[in-house]
Amino acid sequence: MARPIDEAATGTIFGVALNYRSLLDSRLAEFQEPPYKAPPTKPVLFIKTPNTRNRQQGEVVFPASCDRLQPGPAVGVVIGRKASRVTKDEALSYVAGLTIVNEFSLPEDSYYRPAVKAKCRDGFCPMGPEVVELADIKDCDQLVLKLHVNGELRQEGTTADWVRSIPELLADITEFMTLNEGDVLITGTPDGRVDVKIGDQVVVEVSGLGSLTNTIVAE
């Protein structure tokens, strides 16, 4: 069973950076540099503010002041009820379902400190079109994500590459922060982000969840 995204995902949108093993491994040398000198040991979170919400078939504006824009195919976890200090064993009972997210961003300067200016431009978080219940998804840890630009496959990943599964993420995050019904947790983007340009049609496909289409337009 599926519900329209506008009915089920009405709360705060949180993103998780570096949740794909291949992406984390590609940055290990960088993480050994000062000031951190080690890779992160807990989920690295950022917020997609309300102005970033966008719709299926919506337009994404390429900011005139910027040189590059990158889409980010991702699986979104929609919270079904208030979740605080949940365990991994019970975590999935707090999930209303999964949806497709295209987490647009300007290129990242620091994965440790995702920049609001890069992440929170107007319309930078298309989601949907539906929220699919977990019962209708064969295996959350084996979903294939594909990014097509003008019909060409440009990026591909699988949730088998997740650093932390959905139960692990929810247990870690709700240990210090309550998630509420309608909140959305973006579980990360695979390695290999690509640049898009004005006029491009961008389609994210996730196995079992359908597809999400957006068009890049000039400011």
Foldseek 3Di string as FASTA:
>chain_A
DKDFLVVFADDWEKEWEPFFQVVQVVCQVVCCDPDRNGGDPATQMDTADPQQEDEFAEADADEPVDDWKWWFKFKKWAFAFKDALDALVCQLVRTQAIKIKTQMFHDAPDRNDGDCVGRHDGNRIYIDRIGDGPVQPPDQQFKKKFKDKQNHTQDIDGSVRTNDDSSRNSNRVNHPDMDGGNYMYTRYGDPGIDTDDAQIWMKMQIPSHGIGIYHYHYD
